[in-house]
Amino acid sequence: NSFKEILITLIIGPYLLTSFLLQSGLFTDRSREIR
């Protein structure tokens, strides 16, 4: 892989993880049961 391809591939994984985590509510609906 080229440097550009390495950068893109390295970013995709954490990008997808953090996107999923945000929409899951784990980092936003932090007191869900009380709410």
All heavy atoms as atom14 arrays in JSON, in Angstrom:
{
  "sequence": "NSFKEILITLIIGPYLLTSFLLQSGLFTDRSREIR",
  "atom14_mask": [
    [1, 1, 1, 1, 1, 1, 1, 1, 0, 0, 0, 0, 0, 0],
    [1, 1, 1, 1, 1, 1, 0, 0, 0, 0, 0, 0, 0, 0],
    [1, 1, 1, 1, 1, 1, 1, 1, 1, 1, 1, 0, 0, 0],
    [1, 1, 1, 1, 1, 1, 1, 1, 1, 0, 0, 0, 0, 0],
    [1, 1, 1, 1, 1, 1, 1, 1, 1, 0, 0, 0, 0, 0],
    [1, 1, 1, 1, 1, 1, 1, 1, 0, 0, 0, 0, 0, 0],
    [1, 1, 1, 1, 1, 1, 1, 1, 0, 0, 0, 0, 0, 0],
    [1, 1, 1, 1, 1, 1, 1, 1, 0, 0, 0, 0, 0, 0],
    [1, 1, 1, 1, 1, 1, 1, 0, 0, 0, 0, 0, 0, 0],
    [1, 1, 1, 1, 1, 1, 1, 1, 0, 0, 0, 0, 0, 0],
    [1, 1, 1, 1, 1, 1, 1, 1, 0, 0, 0, 0, 0, 0],
    [1, 1, 1, 1, 1, 1, 1, 1, 0, 0, 0, 0, 0, 0],
    [1, 1, 1, 1, 0, 0, 0, 0, 0, 0, 0, 0, 0, 0],
    [1, 1, 1, 1, 1, 1, 1, 0, 0, 0, 0, 0, 0, 0],
    [1, 1, 1, 1, 1, 1, 1, 1, 1, 1, 1, 1, 0, 0],
    [1, 1, 1, 1, 1, 1, 1, 1, 0, 0, 0, 0, 0, 0],
    [1, 1, 1, 1, 1, 1, 1, 1, 0, 0, 0, 0, 0, 0],
    [1, 1, 1, 1, 1, 1, 1, 0, 0, 0, 0, 0, 0, 0],
    [1, 1, 1, 1, 1, 1, 0, 0, 0, 0, 0, 0, 0, 0],
    [1, 1, 1, 1, 1, 1, 1, 1, 1, 1, 1, 0, 0, 0],
    [1, 1, 1, 1, 1, 1, 1, 1, 0, 0, 0, 0, 0, 0],
    [1, 1, 1, 1, 1, 1, 1, 1, 0, 0, 0, 0, 0, 0],
    [1, 1, 1, 1, 1, 1, 1, 1, 1, 0, 0, 0, 0, 0],
    [1, 1, 1, 1, 1, 1, 0, 0, 0, 0, 0, 0, 0, 0],
    [1, 1, 1, 1, 0, 0, 0, 0, 0, 0, 0, 0, 0, 0],
    [1, 1, 1, 1, 1, 1, 1, 1, 0, 0, 0, 0, 0, 0],
    [1, 1, 1, 1, 1, 1, 1, 1, 1, 1, 1, 0, 0, 0],
    [1, 1, 1, 1, 1, 1, 1, 0, 0, 0, 0, 0, 0, 0],
    [1, 1, 1, 1, 1, 1, 1, 1, 0, 0, 0, 0, 0, 0],
    [1, 1, 1, 1, 1, 1, 1, 1, 1, 1, 1, 0, 0, 0],
    [1, 1, 1, 1, 1, 1, 0, 0, 0, 0, 0, 0, 0, 0],
    [1, 1, 1, 1, 1, 1, 1, 1, 1, 1, 1, 0, 0, 0],
    [1, 1, 1, 1, 1, 1, 1, 1, 1, 0, 0, 0, 0, 0],
    [1, 1, 1, 1, 1, 1, 1, 1, 0, 0, 0, 0, 0, 0],
    [1, 1, 1, 1, 1, 1, 1, 1, 1, 1, 1, 0, 0, 0]
  ],
  "atom14_positions": [
    [[0.82, -1.21, 0.0], [0.0, 0.0, 0.0], [0.85, 1.26, 0.0], [1.92, 1.31, 0.61], [-0.91, 0.04, 1.23], [-2.02, -1.01, 1.18], [-2.49, -1.45, 2.21], [-2.43, -1.42, 0.0], [0.0, 0.0, 0.0], [0.0, 0.0, 0.0], [0.0, 0.0, 0.0], [0.0, 0.0, 0.0], [0.0, 0.0, 0.0], [0.0, 0.0, 0.0]],
    [[0.36, 2.29, -0.68], [1.01, 3.6, -0.64], [0.74, 4.26, 0.71], [-0.12, 3.81, 1.48], [0.47, 4.48, -1.77], [-0.91, 4.77, -1.55], [0.0, 0.0, 0.0], [0.0, 0.0, 0.0], [0.0, 0.0, 0.0], [0.0, 0.0, 0.0], [0.0, 0.0, 0.0], [0.0, 0.0, 0.0], [0.0, 0.0, 0.0], [0.0, 0.0, 0.0]],
    [[1.44, 5.37, 0.98], [1.25, 6.09, 2.23], [-0.19, 6.58, 2.34], [-0.81, 6.51, 3.42], [2.22, 7.26, 2.33], [2.09, 8.05, 3.59], [2.25, 7.45, 4.84], [1.78, 9.41, 3.55], [2.11, 8.18, 6.02], [1.65, 10.15, 4.73], [1.82, 9.54, 5.95], [0.0, 0.0, 0.0], [0.0, 0.0, 0.0], [0.0, 0.0, 0.0]],
    [[-0.74, 7.07, 1.26], [-2.12, 7.55, 1.25], [-3.09, 6.41, 1.58], [-4.03, 6.59, 2.37], [-2.46, 8.14, -0.12], [-3.87, 8.7, -0.23], [-4.12, 9.3, -1.6], [-5.53, 9.86, -1.71], [-5.78, 10.45, -3.06], [0.0, 0.0, 0.0], [0.0, 0.0, 0.0], [0.0, 0.0, 0.0], [0.0, 0.0, 0.0], [0.0, 0.0, 0.0]],
    [[-2.86, 5.26, 1.0], [-3.74, 4.1, 1.25], [-3.63, 3.64, 2.71], [-4.62, 3.25, 3.33], [-3.38, 2.96, 0.3], [-3.76, 3.25, -1.15], [-3.19, 2.22, -2.12], [-2.13, 1.63, -1.81], [-3.78, 2.04, -3.2], [0.0, 0.0, 0.0], [0.0, 0.0, 0.0], [0.0, 0.0, 0.0], [0.0, 0.0, 0.0], [0.0, 0.0, 0.0]],
    [[-2.41, 3.69, 3.25], [-2.2, 3.32, 4.66], [-2.97, 4.27, 5.57], [-3.67, 3.85, 6.51], [-0.7, 3.36, 5.02], [0.07, 2.24, 4.31], [-0.5, 3.26, 6.53], [-0.12, 0.86, 4.88], [0.0, 0.0, 0.0], [0.0, 0.0, 0.0], [0.0, 0.0, 0.0], [0.0, 0.0, 0.0], [0.0, 0.0, 0.0], [0.0, 0.0, 0.0]],
    [[-2.86, 5.57, 5.3], [-3.56, 6.56, 6.11], [-5.07, 6.35, 6.09], [-5.73, 6.35, 7.13], [-3.25, 7.97, 5.6], [-1.9, 8.58, 5.98], [-1.72, 9.94, 5.29], [-1.77, 8.74, 7.48], [0.0, 0.0, 0.0], [0.0, 0.0, 0.0], [0.0, 0.0, 0.0], [0.0, 0.0, 0.0], [0.0, 0.0, 0.0], [0.0, 0.0, 0.0]],
    [[-5.61, 6.15, 4.9], [-7.07, 5.97, 4.76], [-7.52, 4.72, 5.49], [-8.53, 4.74, 6.22], [-7.46, 5.9, 3.27], [-7.22, 7.27, 2.6], [-8.92, 5.48, 3.1], [-7.38, 7.25, 1.09], [0.0, 0.0, 0.0], [0.0, 0.0, 0.0], [0.0, 0.0, 0.0], [0.0, 0.0, 0.0], [0.0, 0.0, 0.0], [0.0, 0.0, 0.0]],
    [[-6.78, 3.64, 5.33], [-7.17, 2.37, 5.97], [-7.06, 2.46, 7.49], [-7.91, 1.93, 8.21], [-6.3, 1.21, 5.45], [-6.24, 1.26, 4.02], [-6.88, -0.12, 5.86], [0.0, 0.0, 0.0], [0.0, 0.0, 0.0], [0.0, 0.0, 0.0], [0.0, 0.0, 0.0], [0.0, 0.0, 0.0], [0.0, 0.0, 0.0], [0.0, 0.0, 0.0]],
    [[-6.02, 3.13, 7.97], [-5.87, 3.31, 9.42], [-7.02, 4.12, 10.01], [-7.51, 3.84, 11.1], [-4.55, 4.01, 9.74], [-3.27, 3.16, 9.71], [-2.04, 4.04, 9.85], [-3.29, 2.09, 10.8], [0.0, 0.0, 0.0], [0.0, 0.0, 0.0], [0.0, 0.0, 0.0], [0.0, 0.0, 0.0], [0.0, 0.0, 0.0], [0.0, 0.0, 0.0]],
    [[-7.47, 5.12, 9.27], [-8.53, 6.02, 9.77], [-9.9, 5.36, 9.74], [-10.73, 5.56, 10.64], [-8.55, 7.32, 8.94], [-7.4, 8.22, 9.35], [-9.87, 8.05, 9.1], [-7.55, 8.83, 10.72], [0.0, 0.0, 0.0], [0.0, 0.0, 0.0], [0.0, 0.0, 0.0], [0.0, 0.0, 0.0], [0.0, 0.0, 0.0], [0.0, 0.0, 0.0]],
    [[-10.18, 4.55, 8.72], [-11.53, 4.01, 8.52], [-12.04, 3.25, 9.76], [-13.18, 3.43, 10.18], [-11.57, 3.08, 7.27], [-11.54, 3.94, 6.01], [-12.83, 2.21, 7.27], [-11.45, 3.13, 4.72], [0.0, 0.0, 0.0], [0.0, 0.0, 0.0], [0.0, 0.0, 0.0], [0.0, 0.0, 0.0], [0.0, 0.0, 0.0], [0.0, 0.0, 0.0]],
    [[-11.19, 2.4, 10.34], [-11.62, 1.59, 11.48], [-12.05, 2.43, 12.68], [-13.2, 2.33, 13.14], [0.0, 0.0, 0.0], [0.0, 0.0, 0.0], [0.0, 0.0, 0.0], [0.0, 0.0, 0.0], [0.0, 0.0, 0.0], [0.0, 0.0, 0.0], [0.0, 0.0, 0.0], [0.0, 0.0, 0.0], [0.0, 0.0, 0.0], [0.0, 0.0, 0.0]],
    [[-11.17, 3.28, 13.21], [-11.57, 4.15, 14.32], [-12.73, 5.08, 13.97], [-13.55, 5.41, 14.82], [-10.29, 4.95, 14.63], [-9.19, 4.06, 14.15], [-9.73, 3.37, 12.93], [0.0, 0.0, 0.0], [0.0, 0.0, 0.0], [0.0, 0.0, 0.0], [0.0, 0.0, 0.0], [0.0, 0.0, 0.0], [0.0, 0.0, 0.0], [0.0, 0.0, 0.0]],
    [[-12.78, 5.53, 12.71], [-13.86, 6.41, 12.27], [-15.22, 5.7, 12.38], [-16.19, 6.26, 12.89], [-13.62, 6.86, 10.83], [-14.7, 7.73, 10.25], [-14.69, 9.1, 10.44], [-15.76, 7.17, 9.53], [-15.69, 9.91, 9.92], [-16.77, 7.97, 9.01], [-16.72, 9.34, 9.21], [-17.73, 10.12, 8.69], [0.0, 0.0, 0.0], [0.0, 0.0, 0.0]],
    [[-15.26, 4.46, 11.91], [-16.51, 3.69, 11.99], [-16.87, 3.38, 13.44], [-18.04, 3.48, 13.83], [-16.38, 2.39, 11.19], [-16.32, 2.54, 9.66], [-16.01, 1.2, 9.01], [-17.63, 3.1, 9.11], [0.0, 0.0, 0.0], [0.0, 0.0, 0.0], [0.0, 0.0, 0.0], [0.0, 0.0, 0.0], [0.0, 0.0, 0.0], [0.0, 0.0, 0.0]],
    [[-15.87, 3.03, 14.25], [-16.13, 2.72, 15.66], [-16.71, 3.93, 16.39], [-17.73, 3.81, 17.07], [-14.83, 2.27, 16.35], [-14.93, 2.06, 17.87], [-15.96, 1.0, 18.22], [-13.56, 1.7, 18.45], [0.0, 0.0, 0.0], [0.0, 0.0, 0.0], [0.0, 0.0, 0.0], [0.0, 0.0, 0.0], [0.0, 0.0, 0.0], [0.0, 0.0, 0.0]],
    [[-16.07, 5.09, 16.26], [-16.56, 6.28, 16.96], [-17.91, 6.73, 16.42], [-18.76, 7.2, 17.2], [-15.53, 7.43, 16.86], [-15.09, 7.56, 15.51], [-14.35, 7.18, 17.75], [0.0, 0.0, 0.0], [0.0, 0.0, 0.0], [0.0, 0.0, 0.0], [0.0, 0.0, 0.0], [0.0, 0.0, 0.0], [0.0, 0.0, 0.0], [0.0, 0.0, 0.0]],
    [[-18.15, 6.58, 15.13], [-19.47, 6.92, 14.56], [-20.56, 6.04, 15.15], [-21.63, 6.53, 15.54], [-19.45, 6.78, 13.04], [-18.5, 7.64, 12.46], [0.0, 0.0, 0.0], [0.0, 0.0, 0.0], [0.0, 0.0, 0.0], [0.0, 0.0, 0.0], [0.0, 0.0, 0.0], [0.0, 0.0, 0.0], [0.0, 0.0, 0.0], [0.0, 0.0, 0.0]],
    [[-20.29, 4.75, 15.23], [-21.26, 3.81, 15.81], [-21.48, 4.1, 17.29], [-22.61, 4.05, 17.79], [-20.8, 2.37, 15.62], [-21.08, 1.81, 14.24], [-20.07, 1.2, 13.5], [-22.34, 1.89, 13.7], [-20.33, 0.68, 12.24], [-22.61, 1.36, 12.44], [-21.61, 0.77, 11.71], [0.0, 0.0, 0.0], [0.0, 0.0, 0.0], [0.0, 0.0, 0.0]],
    [[-20.38, 4.38, 18.01], [-20.49, 4.66, 19.44], [-21.33, 5.91, 19.7], [-22.14, 5.94, 20.63], [-19.1, 4.85, 20.05], [-18.27, 3.58, 20.28], [-16.88, 3.94, 20.79], [-18.96, 2.64, 21.26], [0.0, 0.0, 0.0], [0.0, 0.0, 0.0], [0.0, 0.0, 0.0], [0.0, 0.0, 0.0], [0.0, 0.0, 0.0], [0.0, 0.0, 0.0]],
    [[-21.16, 6.93, 18.87], [-21.93, 8.15, 19.06], [-23.42, 7.89, 18.88], [-24.24, 8.28, 19.71], [-21.46, 9.23, 18.08], [-22.24, 10.55, 18.15], [-22.15, 11.17, 19.54], [-21.74, 11.54, 17.1], [0.0, 0.0, 0.0], [0.0, 0.0, 0.0], [0.0, 0.0, 0.0], [0.0, 0.0, 0.0], [0.0, 0.0, 0.0], [0.0, 0.0, 0.0]],
    [[-23.77, 7.21, 17.8], [-25.18, 6.97, 17.52], [-25.8, 5.9, 18.43], [-27.02, 5.79, 18.51], [-25.37, 6.58, 16.05], [-24.87, 7.62, 15.06], [-25.34, 9.04, 15.36], [-26.48, 9.26, 15.76], [-24.45, 10.01, 15.17], [0.0, 0.0, 0.0], [0.0, 0.0, 0.0], [0.0, 0.0, 0.0], [0.0, 0.0, 0.0], [0.0, 0.0, 0.0]],
    [[-24.96, 5.16, 19.14], [-25.48, 4.17, 20.09], [-26.06, 4.84, 21.33], [-26.9, 4.26, 22.03], [-24.38, 3.2, 20.52], [-23.46, 3.83, 21.41], [0.0, 0.0, 0.0], [0.0, 0.0, 0.0], [0.0, 0.0, 0.0], [0.0, 0.0, 0.0], [0.0, 0.0, 0.0], [0.0, 0.0, 0.0], [0.0, 0.0, 0.0], [0.0, 0.0, 0.0]],
    [[-25.59, 6.05, 21.63], [-26.03, 6.75, 22.83], [-25.13, 6.54, 24.03], [-25.32, 7.16, 25.07], [0.0, 0.0, 0.0], [0.0, 0.0, 0.0], [0.0, 0.0, 0.0], [0.0, 0.0, 0.0], [0.0, 0.0, 0.0], [0.0, 0.0, 0.0], [0.0, 0.0, 0.0], [0.0, 0.0, 0.0], [0.0, 0.0, 0.0], [0.0, 0.0, 0.0]],
    [[-24.11, 5.69, 23.9], [-23.21, 5.42, 25.02], [-22.48, 6.68, 25.48], [-22.16, 6.83, 26.65], [-22.19, 4.35, 24.63], [-22.66, 2.89, 24.71], [-21.67, 1.97, 24.03], [-22.85, 2.47, 26.16], [0.0, 0.0, 0.0], [0.0, 0.0, 0.0], [0.0, 0.0, 0.0], [0.0, 0.0, 0.0], [0.0, 0.0, 0.0], [0.0, 0.0, 0.0]],
    [[-22.23, 7.6, 24.56], [-21.49, 8.81, 24.89], [-22.4, 10.04, 24.93], [-21.91, 11.16, 25.05], [-20.37, 9.04, 23.87], [-19.18, 8.13, 24.07], [-19.22, 6.81, 23.66], [-18.04, 8.59, 24.7], [-18.14, 5.96, 23.86], [-16.95, 7.76, 24.9], [-17.01, 6.43, 24.48], [0.0, 0.0, 0.0], [0.0, 0.0, 0.0], [0.0, 0.0, 0.0]],
    [[-23.7, 9.82, 24.83], [-24.63, 10.96, 24.8], [-25.83, 10.74, 25.72], [-26.24, 11.65, 26.42], [-25.13, 11.2, 23.36], [-25.41, 9.94, 22.75], [-24.1, 11.95, 22.54], [0.0, 0.0, 0.0], [0.0, 0.0, 0.0], [0.0, 0.0, 0.0], [0.0, 0.0, 0.0], [0.0, 0.0, 0.0], [0.0, 0.0, 0.0], [0.0, 0.0, 0.0]],
    [[-26.37, 9.53, 25.72], [-27.48, 9.21, 26.61], [-26.91, 8.46, 27.81], [-27.18, 7.28, 28.04], [-28.51, 8.35, 25.86], [-29.85, 8.29, 26.58], [-30.02, 9.02, 27.56], [-30.72, 7.51, 26.14], [0.0, 0.0, 0.0], [0.0, 0.0, 0.0], [0.0, 0.0, 0.0], [0.0, 0.0, 0.0], [0.0, 0.0, 0.0], [0.0, 0.0, 0.0]],
    [[-26.12, 9.16, 28.62], [-25.28, 8.52, 29.63], [-26.04, 8.12, 30.89], [-25.54, 7.36, 31.69], [-24.11, 9.44, 29.98], [-23.27, 9.79, 28.76], [-22.07, 10.59, 29.16], [-21.42, 11.19, 28.02], [-20.12, 11.08, 27.74], [-19.33, 10.4, 28.52], [-19.6, 11.68, 26.69], [0.0, 0.0, 0.0], [0.0, 0.0, 0.0], [0.0, 0.0, 0.0]],
    [[-27.23, 8.68, 31.07], [-28.06, 8.3, 32.21], [-29.41, 7.82, 31.68], [-30.47, 8.31, 32.08], [-28.24, 9.49, 33.16], [-26.99, 9.97, 33.6], [0.0, 0.0, 0.0], [0.0, 0.0, 0.0], [0.0, 0.0, 0.0], [0.0, 0.0, 0.0], [0.0, 0.0, 0.0], [0.0, 0.0, 0.0], [0.0, 0.0, 0.0], [0.0, 0.0, 0.0]],
    [[-29.35, 6.89, 30.77], [-30.54, 6.45, 30.02], [-31.64, 5.94, 30.94], [-32.82, 6.3, 30.78], [-30.15, 5.36, 29.01], [-31.34, 4.75, 28.26], [-30.88, 3.69, 27.3], [-30.04, 2.7, 27.93], [-30.5, 1.67, 28.66], [-31.8, 1.51, 28.84], [-29.67, 0.81, 29.2], [0.0, 0.0, 0.0], [0.0, 0.0, 0.0], [0.0, 0.0, 0.0]],
    [[-31.28, 5.11, 31.92], [-32.31, 4.52, 32.79], [-33.05, 5.59, 33.59], [-34.27, 5.55, 33.72], [-31.68, 3.49, 33.72], [-31.22, 2.23, 33.01], [-30.69, 1.19, 33.98], [-30.02, 1.58, 34.96], [-30.95, -0.01, 33.78], [0.0, 0.0, 0.0], [0.0, 0.0, 0.0], [0.0, 0.0, 0.0], [0.0, 0.0, 0.0], [0.0, 0.0, 0.0]],
    [[-32.3, 6.56, 34.12], [-32.94, 7.65, 34.87], [-33.81, 8.49, 33.93], [-34.92, 8.89, 34.29], [-31.88, 8.51, 35.57], [-31.25, 7.72, 36.72], [-32.49, 9.83, 36.09], [-30.19, 8.47, 37.49], [0.0, 0.0, 0.0], [0.0, 0.0, 0.0], [0.0, 0.0, 0.0], [0.0, 0.0, 0.0], [0.0, 0.0, 0.0], [0.0, 0.0, 0.0]],
    [[-33.31, 8.75, 32.72], [-34.1, 9.51, 31.75], [-35.42, 8.82, 31.46], [-36.49, 9.47, 31.44], [-33.32, 9.7, 30.44], [-34.15, 10.39, 29.35], [-33.4, 10.48, 28.04], [-33.0, 9.19, 27.49], [-33.83, 8.34, 26.88], [-35.12, 8.62, 26.76], [-33.37, 7.2, 26.4], [0.0, 0.0, 0.0], [0.0, 0.0, 0.0], [0.0, 0.0, 0.0]]
  ]
}
